[in-house]
């Protein structure tokens, strides 16, 4: 799904998204989804949400076969079934805390997991491990005779996004807005489009210790460092201040400006979604960093 991401629509959508899941498990026509988008309240069923996102067409949503498959699709993650499925794709025992993807034998299954980890199960943690959610979706894909109610699980994921540190799923918001014909030329001009991915120069990657310079234009990826616990990070933070300053000094100016701009956008997002909303207790504070997205 290749769609631009508009930050204002993303914030509005996920801040207001509600899902009444219980009645929707076995009734795809129950109106249990609601959210704000483009300044308007929207309510719909899972069946409607599916075609607005593009899982099937509006015409197909009227077919009895589509409705039957959705109503019979898996909406309960039964661990006894997923654990029994694991030996058919992976080696060794599946660890509940997360199993390394390299234990999956088939490369096609690994690729499917990669897509799962960056879409319907998008998360900030490592995508090189298989969680219980990931295993369930793999079970729905490769399990014999298994049908997954994709609109249901996608909606569950959209509901959980606002409680995560990393917001994923902006392309779904754009697709829904497009289906309502909200993206008029006037609205698009007023919205902030998330910039395309920035390509960091080799010099910057070396200074950030992402890659190692082997000389003669050759580089290699450094081995992944062990994740430190919070208290360990706190103990060594003072020792690393000088080193981090040196990192920025050795970066290219373009990459430095990009990282600084992204840092400011994070602060601005924090203010606009938290301090600028219903939890605002700092309305009397005036600062360039505490301004709405279009004000600087």
C-alpha atoms as a PDB file:
ATOM      1  CA  UNK A   1       0.000   0.000   0.000  1.00  0.00           C
ATOM      2  CA  UNK A   2       1.780   3.084  -1.268  1.00  0.00           C
ATOM      3  CA  UNK A   3       0.055   6.139   0.208  1.00  0.00           C
ATOM      4  CA  UNK A   4       1.327   9.511   1.503  1.00  0.00           C
ATOM      5  CA  UNK A   5       0.958  10.042   5.246  1.00  0.00           C
ATOM      6  CA  UNK A   6      -0.670  13.243   6.554  1.00  0.00           C
ATOM      7  CA  UNK A   7       0.286  13.789  10.168  1.00  0.00           C
ATOM      8  CA  UNK A   8      -2.800  15.836  11.169  1.00  0.00           C
ATOM      9  CA  UNK A   9      -5.141  13.110   9.875  1.00  0.00           C
ATOM     10  CA  UNK A  10      -3.075  10.429  11.640  1.00  0.00           C
ATOM     11  CA  UNK A  11      -3.222  12.234  14.989  1.00  0.00           C
ATOM     12  CA  UNK A  12      -6.944  12.947  14.659  1.00  0.00           C
ATOM     13  CA  UNK A  13      -7.768   9.383  13.615  1.00  0.00           C
ATOM     14  CA  UNK A  14      -5.824   7.463  16.256  1.00  0.00           C
ATOM     15  CA  UNK A  15      -6.685   9.871  19.099  1.00  0.00           C
ATOM     16  CA  UNK A  16     -10.409   9.245  18.522  1.00  0.00           C
ATOM     17  CA  UNK A  17     -10.484   5.647  17.286  1.00  0.00           C
ATOM     18  CA  UNK A  18     -12.899   3.336  19.146  1.00  0.00           C
ATOM     19  CA  UNK A  19     -13.785  -0.303  18.511  1.00  0.00           C
ATOM     20  CA  UNK A  20     -16.595  -2.287  20.157  1.00  0.00           C
ATOM     21  CA  UNK A  21     -14.987  -5.656  19.485  1.00  0.00           C
ATOM     22  CA  UNK A  22     -17.267  -8.205  21.165  1.00  0.00           C
ATOM     23  CA  UNK A  23     -20.368  -7.803  18.929  1.00  0.00           C
ATOM     24  CA  UNK A  24     -18.138  -7.631  15.838  1.00  0.00           C
ATOM     25  CA  UNK A  25     -16.470 -11.005  16.344  1.00  0.00           C
ATOM     26  CA  UNK A  26     -19.210 -12.974  14.635  1.00  0.00           C
ATOM     27  CA  UNK A  27     -21.211 -10.186  12.987  1.00  0.00           C
ATOM     28  CA  UNK A  28     -19.262  -8.238  10.367  1.00  0.00           C
ATOM     29  CA  UNK A  29     -22.189  -5.862   9.725  1.00  0.00           C
ATOM     30  CA  UNK A  30     -22.417  -4.600  13.324  1.00  0.00           C
ATOM     31  CA  UNK A  31     -21.569  -0.872  13.450  1.00  0.00           C
ATOM     32  CA  UNK A  32     -18.816  -1.008  16.052  1.00  0.00           C
ATOM     33  CA  UNK A  33     -16.061   1.216  14.617  1.00  0.00           C
ATOM     34  CA  UNK A  34     -15.965   4.981  15.150  1.00  0.00           C
ATOM     35  CA  UNK A  35     -13.399   7.757  14.719  1.00  0.00           C
ATOM     36  CA  UNK A  36     -12.919  11.378  13.701  1.00  0.00           C
ATOM     37  CA  UNK A  37     -11.455  12.159  10.293  1.00  0.00           C
ATOM     38  CA  UNK A  38     -11.311  15.495   8.501  1.00  0.00           C
ATOM     39  CA  UNK A  39     -13.306  17.113  11.300  1.00  0.00           C
ATOM     40  CA  UNK A  40     -16.188  14.660  10.864  1.00  0.00           C
ATOM     41  CA  UNK A  41     -17.381  11.710  12.960  1.00  0.00           C
ATOM     42  CA  UNK A  42     -17.377   8.412  11.089  1.00  0.00           C
ATOM     43  CA  UNK A  43     -19.061   5.180  12.177  1.00  0.00           C
ATOM     44  CA  UNK A  44     -19.046   1.904  10.273  1.00  0.00           C
ATOM     45  CA  UNK A  45     -18.978  -1.870  10.409  1.00  0.00           C
ATOM     46  CA  UNK A  46     -15.960  -4.124   9.919  1.00  0.00           C
ATOM     47  CA  UNK A  47     -17.379  -5.056   6.529  1.00  0.00           C
ATOM     48  CA  UNK A  48     -17.354  -1.413   5.434  1.00  0.00           C
ATOM     49  CA  UNK A  49     -13.938  -0.702   6.946  1.00  0.00           C
ATOM     50  CA  UNK A  50     -12.527  -3.606   4.939  1.00  0.00           C
ATOM     51  CA  UNK A  51     -13.502  -2.199   1.566  1.00  0.00           C
ATOM     52  CA  UNK A  52     -12.569   1.369   2.488  1.00  0.00           C
ATOM     53  CA  UNK A  53      -9.042   0.190   3.314  1.00  0.00           C
ATOM     54  CA  UNK A  54      -8.923  -1.874   0.128  1.00  0.00           C
ATOM     55  CA  UNK A  55      -9.092  -5.477   1.348  1.00  0.00           C
ATOM     56  CA  UNK A  56     -11.902  -6.031  -1.161  1.00  0.00           C
ATOM     57  CA  UNK A  57     -14.118  -3.836  -3.300  1.00  0.00           C
ATOM     58  CA  UNK A  58     -17.392  -2.234  -2.244  1.00  0.00           C
ATOM     59  CA  UNK A  59     -19.204  -4.483  -4.729  1.00  0.00           C
ATOM     60  CA  UNK A  60     -17.567  -7.608  -3.268  1.00  0.00           C
ATOM     61  CA  UNK A  61     -18.649  -6.568   0.232  1.00  0.00           C
ATOM     62  CA  UNK A  62     -22.259  -7.125  -0.843  1.00  0.00           C
ATOM     63  CA  UNK A  63     -21.624 -10.779  -1.721  1.00  0.00           C
ATOM     64  CA  UNK A  64     -22.897 -13.378   0.742  1.00  0.00           C
ATOM     65  CA  UNK A  65     -19.665 -15.369   0.374  1.00  0.00           C
ATOM     66  CA  UNK A  66     -17.525 -12.512   1.696  1.00  0.00           C
ATOM     67  CA  UNK A  67     -19.797 -12.003   4.682  1.00  0.00           C
ATOM     68  CA  UNK A  68     -19.861 -15.704   5.525  1.00  0.00           C
ATOM     69  CA  UNK A  69     -16.078 -15.969   5.425  1.00  0.00           C
ATOM     70  CA  UNK A  70     -15.699 -12.928   7.665  1.00  0.00           C
ATOM     71  CA  UNK A  71     -18.254 -14.207  10.171  1.00  0.00           C
ATOM     72  CA  UNK A  72     -16.490 -17.607  10.293  1.00  0.00           C
ATOM     73  CA  UNK A  73     -12.965 -16.186  10.341  1.00  0.00           C
ATOM     74  CA  UNK A  74     -10.673 -16.526  13.336  1.00  0.00           C
ATOM     75  CA  UNK A  75     -11.257 -13.796  15.924  1.00  0.00           C
ATOM     76  CA  UNK A  76      -9.839 -15.633  18.945  1.00  0.00           C
ATOM     77  CA  UNK A  77      -6.135 -16.380  19.303  1.00  0.00           C
ATOM     78  CA  UNK A  78      -6.045 -19.921  20.659  1.00  0.00           C
ATOM     79  CA  UNK A  79      -2.504 -20.587  21.907  1.00  0.00           C
ATOM     80  CA  UNK A  80      -2.977 -24.350  21.881  1.00  0.00           C
ATOM     81  CA  UNK A  81      -3.518 -24.188  18.109  1.00  0.00           C
ATOM     82  CA  UNK A  82      -0.658 -21.804  17.365  1.00  0.00           C
ATOM     83  CA  UNK A  83       1.776 -23.777  19.523  1.00  0.00           C
ATOM     84  CA  UNK A  84       0.758 -26.938  17.704  1.00  0.00           C
ATOM     85  CA  UNK A  85       1.354 -25.166  14.397  1.00  0.00           C
ATOM     86  CA  UNK A  86       4.876 -23.968  15.235  1.00  0.00           C
ATOM     87  CA  UNK A  87       6.730 -27.296  14.581  1.00  0.00           C
ATOM     88  CA  UNK A  88       5.422 -27.266  10.989  1.00  0.00           C
ATOM     89  CA  UNK A  89       7.412 -24.092  10.181  1.00  0.00           C
ATOM     90  CA  UNK A  90      10.127 -23.739  12.826  1.00  0.00           C
ATOM     91  CA  UNK A  91      12.882 -25.613  14.639  1.00  0.00           C
ATOM     92  CA  UNK A  92      13.123 -26.087  18.371  1.00  0.00           C
ATOM     93  CA  UNK A  93      10.702 -24.872  21.003  1.00  0.00           C
ATOM     94  CA  UNK A  94       8.718 -21.668  20.557  1.00  0.00           C
ATOM     95  CA  UNK A  95       9.528 -19.255  23.391  1.00  0.00           C
ATOM     96  CA  UNK A  96       6.601 -17.078  24.456  1.00  0.00           C
ATOM     97  CA  UNK A  97       8.806 -14.024  24.957  1.00  0.00           C
ATOM     98  CA  UNK A  98       9.852 -14.023  21.310  1.00  0.00           C
ATOM     99  CA  UNK A  99      11.615 -16.544  19.092  1.00  0.00           C
ATOM    100  CA  UNK A 100      14.302 -15.629  16.550  1.00  0.00           C
ATOM    101  CA  UNK A 101      13.109 -15.554  12.936  1.00  0.00           C
ATOM    102  CA  UNK A 102      16.146 -17.613  11.886  1.00  0.00           C
ATOM    103  CA  UNK A 103      14.469 -20.648  13.468  1.00  0.00           C
ATOM    104  CA  UNK A 104      11.882 -20.582  10.661  1.00  0.00           C
ATOM    105  CA  UNK A 105      12.978 -23.031   7.987  1.00  0.00           C
ATOM    106  CA  UNK A 106      11.192 -21.700   4.884  1.00  0.00           C
ATOM    107  CA  UNK A 107      12.401 -18.355   3.485  1.00  0.00           C
ATOM    108  CA  UNK A 108       8.900 -17.621   2.178  1.00  0.00           C
ATOM    109  CA  UNK A 109       7.528 -17.855   5.709  1.00  0.00           C
ATOM    110  CA  UNK A 110      10.287 -15.533   6.930  1.00  0.00           C
ATOM    111  CA  UNK A 111       9.307 -13.017   4.264  1.00  0.00           C
ATOM    112  CA  UNK A 112       5.659 -13.284   5.296  1.00  0.00           C
ATOM    113  CA  UNK A 113       6.680 -12.591   8.895  1.00  0.00           C
ATOM    114  CA  UNK A 114       8.594  -9.515   7.762  1.00  0.00           C
ATOM    115  CA  UNK A 115       5.447  -8.108   6.151  1.00  0.00           C
ATOM    116  CA  UNK A 116       3.429  -8.899   9.287  1.00  0.00           C
ATOM    117  CA  UNK A 117       5.963  -7.196  11.576  1.00  0.00           C
ATOM    118  CA  UNK A 118       5.853  -3.909   9.643  1.00  0.00           C
ATOM    119  CA  UNK A 119       2.093  -3.750   8.935  1.00  0.00           C
ATOM    120  CA  UNK A 120      -0.648  -5.393  11.004  1.00  0.00           C
ATOM    121  CA  UNK A 121       1.784  -6.085  13.852  1.00  0.00           C
ATOM    122  CA  UNK A 122       3.970  -2.995  13.416  1.00  0.00           C
ATOM    123  CA  UNK A 123       6.027  -2.272  16.518  1.00  0.00           C
ATOM    124  CA  UNK A 124       9.082  -0.502  17.830  1.00  0.00           C
ATOM    125  CA  UNK A 125      10.768  -3.644  19.140  1.00  0.00           C
ATOM    126  CA  UNK A 126      12.960  -5.897  17.032  1.00  0.00           C
ATOM    127  CA  UNK A 127      11.282  -7.283  13.919  1.00  0.00           C
ATOM    128  CA  UNK A 128      13.757 -10.173  13.953  1.00  0.00           C
ATOM    129  CA  UNK A 129      11.749 -12.025  16.577  1.00  0.00           C
ATOM    130  CA  UNK A 130       8.416 -13.801  16.292  1.00  0.00           C
ATOM    131  CA  UNK A 131       5.871 -12.814  18.926  1.00  0.00           C
ATOM    132  CA  UNK A 132       2.730 -14.765  19.790  1.00  0.00           C
ATOM    133  CA  UNK A 133       0.737 -12.339  17.638  1.00  0.00           C
ATOM    134  CA  UNK A 134       3.083 -12.914  14.704  1.00  0.00           C
ATOM    135  CA  UNK A 135       2.763 -16.679  15.131  1.00  0.00           C
ATOM    136  CA  UNK A 136      -1.024 -16.396  15.103  1.00  0.00           C
ATOM    137  CA  UNK A 137      -1.003 -14.515  11.796  1.00  0.00           C
ATOM    138  CA  UNK A 138       1.420 -17.051  10.299  1.00  0.00           C
ATOM    139  CA  UNK A 139      -0.960 -19.772  11.489  1.00  0.00           C
ATOM    140  CA  UNK A 140      -3.817 -18.014   9.685  1.00  0.00           C
ATOM    141  CA  UNK A 141      -1.751 -17.811   6.494  1.00  0.00           C
ATOM    142  CA  UNK A 142      -0.220 -21.277   6.404  1.00  0.00           C
ATOM    143  CA  UNK A 143      -2.525 -23.326   8.653  1.00  0.00           C
ATOM    144  CA  UNK A 144      -4.621 -25.803   6.716  1.00  0.00           C
ATOM    145  CA  UNK A 145      -8.283 -24.783   6.450  1.00  0.00           C
ATOM    146  CA  UNK A 146      -7.788 -21.620   8.560  1.00  0.00           C
ATOM    147  CA  UNK A 147      -9.552 -18.367   7.643  1.00  0.00           C
ATOM    148  CA  UNK A 148      -8.537 -15.115   9.305  1.00  0.00           C
ATOM    149  CA  UNK A 149     -10.969 -12.274   9.863  1.00  0.00           C
ATOM    150  CA  UNK A 150      -8.480  -9.663   8.660  1.00  0.00           C
ATOM    151  CA  UNK A 151     -10.748  -6.608   9.166  1.00  0.00           C
ATOM    152  CA  UNK A 152     -11.257  -7.644  12.809  1.00  0.00           C
ATOM    153  CA  UNK A 153      -7.550  -8.033  13.608  1.00  0.00           C
ATOM    154  CA  UNK A 154      -6.573  -4.932  11.662  1.00  0.00           C
ATOM    155  CA  UNK A 155      -9.141  -2.943  13.642  1.00  0.00           C
ATOM    156  CA  UNK A 156      -7.792  -4.360  16.896  1.00  0.00           C
ATOM    157  CA  UNK A 157      -4.355  -3.173  15.835  1.00  0.00           C
ATOM    158  CA  UNK A 158      -5.612   0.319  14.910  1.00  0.00           C
ATOM    159  CA  UNK A 159      -7.227   0.580  18.338  1.00  0.00           C
ATOM    160  CA  UNK A 160      -3.939  -0.270  20.064  1.00  0.00           C
ATOM    161  CA  UNK A 161      -1.761   2.195  18.110  1.00  0.00           C
ATOM    162  CA  UNK A 162      -2.348   5.208  20.383  1.00  0.00           C
ATOM    163  CA  UNK A 163      -0.991   3.245  23.360  1.00  0.00           C
ATOM    164  CA  UNK A 164       2.289   2.478  21.579  1.00  0.00           C
ATOM    165  CA  UNK A 165       5.518   4.494  21.496  1.00  0.00           C
ATOM    166  CA  UNK A 166       5.662   4.225  17.712  1.00  0.00           C
ATOM    167  CA  UNK A 167       2.716   5.228  15.517  1.00  0.00           C
ATOM    168  CA  UNK A 168       2.322   2.915  12.532  1.00  0.00           C
ATOM    169  CA  UNK A 169      -0.520   2.642  10.039  1.00  0.00           C
ATOM    170  CA  UNK A 170      -0.694   6.132   8.539  1.00  0.00           C
ATOM    171  CA  UNK A 171      -1.247   4.635   5.079  1.00  0.00           C
ATOM    172  CA  UNK A 172      -4.514   3.078   6.297  1.00  0.00           C
ATOM    173  CA  UNK A 173      -5.723   6.507   7.456  1.00  0.00           C
ATOM    174  CA  UNK A 174      -4.972   8.018   4.056  1.00  0.00           C
ATOM    175  CA  UNK A 175      -6.758   5.196   2.266  1.00  0.00           C
ATOM    176  CA  UNK A 176      -9.862   5.658   4.446  1.00  0.00           C
ATOM    177  CA  UNK A 177      -9.803   9.442   3.921  1.00  0.00           C
ATOM    178  CA  UNK A 178      -9.531   8.894   0.179  1.00  0.00           C
ATOM    179  CA  UNK A 179     -12.542   6.557   0.214  1.00  0.00           C
ATOM    180  CA  UNK A 180     -14.614   9.351   1.814  1.00  0.00           C
ATOM    181  CA  UNK A 181     -13.275  11.839  -0.780  1.00  0.00           C
ATOM    182  CA  UNK A 182     -11.887  14.026   1.969  1.00  0.00           C
ATOM    183  CA  UNK A 183      -8.567  14.650   0.234  1.00  0.00           C
ATOM    184  CA  UNK A 184      -9.632  17.610  -1.840  1.00  0.00           C
ATOM    185  CA  UNK A 185      -6.947  19.879  -3.279  1.00  0.00           C
ATOM    186  CA  UNK A 186      -7.775  22.479  -0.617  1.00  0.00           C
ATOM    187  CA  UNK A 187      -7.313  19.987   2.249  1.00  0.00           C
ATOM    188  CA  UNK A 188      -4.141  18.461   0.807  1.00  0.00           C
ATOM    189  CA  UNK A 189      -2.567  21.923   0.540  1.00  0.00           C
ATOM    190  CA  UNK A 190      -3.371  22.575   4.206  1.00  0.00           C
ATOM    191  CA  UNK A 191      -1.941  19.267   5.476  1.00  0.00           C
ATOM    192  CA  UNK A 192       1.627  18.361   6.386  1.00  0.00           C
ATOM    193  CA  UNK A 193       2.916  15.412   4.380  1.00  0.00           C
ATOM    194  CA  UNK A 194       5.478  13.252   6.134  1.00  0.00           C
ATOM    195  CA  UNK A 195       8.772  13.578   4.203  1.00  0.00           C
ATOM    196  CA  UNK A 196      10.176  10.719   2.198  1.00  0.00           C
ATOM    197  CA  UNK A 197      12.887   8.568   3.730  1.00  0.00           C
ATOM    198  CA  UNK A 198      16.191  10.420   4.107  1.00  0.00           C
ATOM    199  CA  UNK A 199      19.289   8.602   2.856  1.00  0.00           C
ATOM    200  CA  UNK A 200      22.165   9.152   5.276  1.00  0.00           C
ATOM    201  CA  UNK A 201      25.643   9.479   3.795  1.00  0.00           C
ATOM    202  CA  UNK A 202      28.310   6.864   4.495  1.00  0.00           C
ATOM    203  CA  UNK A 203      30.330   9.412   6.481  1.00  0.00           C
ATOM    204  CA  UNK A 204      27.426   9.926   8.873  1.00  0.00           C
ATOM    205  CA  UNK A 205      26.733   6.201   9.250  1.00  0.00           C
ATOM    206  CA  UNK A 206      30.388   5.618  10.147  1.00  0.00           C
ATOM    207  CA  UNK A 207      30.413   8.437  12.733  1.00  0.00           C
ATOM    208  CA  UNK A 208      27.213   7.015  14.282  1.00  0.00           C
ATOM    209  CA  UNK A 209      28.841   3.556  14.531  1.00  0.00           C
ATOM    210  CA  UNK A 210      26.194   2.032  12.299  1.00  0.00           C
ATOM    211  CA  UNK A 211      28.769   0.707   9.816  1.00  0.00           C
ATOM    212  CA  UNK A 212      32.534   0.152   9.973  1.00  0.00           C
ATOM    213  CA  UNK A 213      34.914   1.642   7.413  1.00  0.00           C
ATOM    214  CA  UNK A 214      37.155  -1.112   6.030  1.00  0.00           C
ATOM    215  CA  UNK A 215      39.086   1.212   3.719  1.00  0.00           C
ATOM    216  CA  UNK A 216      39.162   1.531  -0.070  1.00  0.00           C
ATOM    217  CA  UNK A 217      35.455   2.395  -0.106  1.00  0.00           C
ATOM    218  CA  UNK A 218      34.375  -0.860   1.607  1.00  0.00           C
ATOM    219  CA  UNK A 219      32.105  -0.941   4.672  1.00  0.00           C
ATOM    220  CA  UNK A 220      30.394  -3.587   6.757  1.00  0.00           C
ATOM    221  CA  UNK A 221      27.517  -3.632   9.241  1.00  0.00           C
ATOM    222  CA  UNK A 222      28.548  -3.753  12.861  1.00  0.00           C
ATOM    223  CA  UNK A 223      27.330  -6.604  15.018  1.00  0.00           C
ATOM    224  CA  UNK A 224      24.135  -5.822  16.905  1.00  0.00           C
ATOM    225  CA  UNK A 225      24.907  -4.606  20.398  1.00  0.00           C
ATOM    226  CA  UNK A 226      23.178  -6.073  23.412  1.00  0.00           C
ATOM    227  CA  UNK A 227      20.193  -4.061  24.625  1.00  0.00           C
ATOM    228  CA  UNK A 228      20.894  -2.511  28.045  1.00  0.00           C
ATOM    229  CA  UNK A 229      18.432  -2.298  30.867  1.00  0.00           C
ATOM    230  CA  UNK A 230      17.253   1.184  31.839  1.00  0.00           C
ATOM    231  CA  UNK A 231      19.305   1.350  35.017  1.00  0.00           C
ATOM    232  CA  UNK A 232      22.454   0.291  33.134  1.00  0.00           C
ATOM    233  CA  UNK A 233      21.914   3.042  30.585  1.00  0.00           C
ATOM    234  CA  UNK A 234      21.474   5.575  33.362  1.00  0.00           C
ATOM    235  CA  UNK A 235      24.774   4.543  34.959  1.00  0.00           C
ATOM    236  CA  UNK A 236      26.855   5.001  31.823  1.00  0.00           C
ATOM    237  CA  UNK A 237      25.010   7.976  30.325  1.00  0.00           C
ATOM    238  CA  UNK A 238      27.439  10.537  31.731  1.00  0.00           C
ATOM    239  CA  UNK A 239      30.425   8.650  30.303  1.00  0.00           C
ATOM    240  CA  UNK A 240      28.960   8.731  26.791  1.00  0.00           C
ATOM    241  CA  UNK A 241      28.146  12.451  26.542  1.00  0.00           C
ATOM    242  CA  UNK A 242      31.523  13.362  25.057  1.00  0.00           C
ATOM    243  CA  UNK A 243      31.340  10.534  22.540  1.00  0.00           C
ATOM    244  CA  UNK A 244      27.885  11.535  21.324  1.00  0.00           C
ATOM    245  CA  UNK A 245      29.103  15.116  20.763  1.00  0.00           C
ATOM    246  CA  UNK A 246      31.930  13.776  18.608  1.00  0.00           C
ATOM    247  CA  UNK A 247      29.418  11.760  16.573  1.00  0.00           C
ATOM    248  CA  UNK A 248      27.471  14.862  15.565  1.00  0.00           C
ATOM    249  CA  UNK A 249      30.671  16.794  14.811  1.00  0.00           C
ATOM    250  CA  UNK A 250      31.753  14.158  12.277  1.00  0.00           C
ATOM    251  CA  UNK A 251      28.405  13.922  10.478  1.00  0.00           C
ATOM    252  CA  UNK A 252      27.648  15.671   7.196  1.00  0.00           C
ATOM    253  CA  UNK A 253      25.768  18.952   7.590  1.00  0.00           C
ATOM    254  CA  UNK A 254      22.773  17.684   5.601  1.00  0.00           C
ATOM    255  CA  UNK A 255      22.363  14.597   7.795  1.00  0.00           C
ATOM    256  CA  UNK A 256      22.834  16.658  10.972  1.00  0.00           C
ATOM    257  CA  UNK A 257      20.125  19.118   9.896  1.00  0.00           C
ATOM    258  CA  UNK A 258      17.810  16.222   9.035  1.00  0.00           C
ATOM    259  CA  UNK A 259      18.186  14.587  12.466  1.00  0.00           C
ATOM    260  CA  UNK A 260      17.733  17.908  14.244  1.00  0.00           C
ATOM    261  CA  UNK A 261      14.595  18.649  12.222  1.00  0.00           C
ATOM    262  CA  UNK A 262      13.144  15.234  13.036  1.00  0.00           C
ATOM    263  CA  UNK A 263      13.891  15.770  16.748  1.00  0.00           C
ATOM    264  CA  UNK A 264      12.025  19.085  16.692  1.00  0.00           C
ATOM    265  CA  UNK A 265       9.085  17.410  14.955  1.00  0.00           C
ATOM    266  CA  UNK A 266       8.889  14.862  17.783  1.00  0.00           C
ATOM    267  CA  UNK A 267       8.727  17.685  20.343  1.00  0.00           C
ATOM    268  CA  UNK A 268       6.125  19.486  18.282  1.00  0.00           C
ATOM    269  CA  UNK A 269       4.020  16.343  17.978  1.00  0.00           C
ATOM    270  CA  UNK A 270       4.197  15.842  21.752  1.00  0.00           C
ATOM    271  CA  UNK A 271       2.918  19.344  22.383  1.00  0.00           C
ATOM    272  CA  UNK A 272       0.213  19.267  19.730  1.00  0.00           C
ATOM    273  CA  UNK A 273      -1.222  15.865  20.725  1.00  0.00           C
ATOM    274  CA  UNK A 274      -0.811  16.049  24.520  1.00  0.00           C
ATOM    275  CA  UNK A 275      -0.206  19.579  25.753  1.00  0.00           C
ATOM    276  CA  UNK A 276      -2.360  21.118  23.035  1.00  0.00           C
ATOM    277  CA  UNK A 277      -5.264  18.734  23.637  1.00  0.00           C
ATOM    278  CA  UNK A 278      -7.500  17.929  26.549  1.00  0.00           C
ATOM    279  CA  UNK A 279      -4.529  17.461  28.907  1.00  0.00           C
ATOM    280  CA  UNK A 280      -3.172  20.956  28.247  1.00  0.00           C
ATOM    281  CA  UNK A 281      -1.946  22.555  31.463  1.00  0.00           C
ATOM    282  CA  UNK A 282       0.600  24.885  29.812  1.00  0.00           C
ATOM    283  CA  UNK A 283      -1.620  27.126  27.709  1.00  0.00           C
ATOM    284  CA  UNK A 284       0.079  30.200  29.177  1.00  0.00           C
ATOM    285  CA  UNK A 285       3.571  29.162  28.034  1.00  0.00           C
ATOM    286  CA  UNK A 286       4.928  30.836  24.901  1.00  0.00           C
ATOM    287  CA  UNK A 287       7.768  29.165  23.003  1.00  0.00           C
ATOM    288  CA  UNK A 288       8.637  28.437  19.344  1.00  0.00           C
ATOM    289  CA  UNK A 289       8.773  24.734  20.210  1.00  0.00           C
ATOM    290  CA  UNK A 290       5.262  24.809  21.673  1.00  0.00           C
ATOM    291  CA  UNK A 291       3.499  25.894  18.513  1.00  0.00           C
ATOM    292  CA  UNK A 292       1.049  24.219  16.201  1.00  0.00           C
ATOM    293  CA  UNK A 293       2.494  22.316  13.214  1.00  0.00           C
ATOM    294  CA  UNK A 294       2.064  25.129  10.689  1.00  0.00           C
ATOM    295  CA  UNK A 295       3.357  27.961  12.857  1.00  0.00           C
ATOM    296  CA  UNK A 296       7.111  27.566  12.219  1.00  0.00           C
END
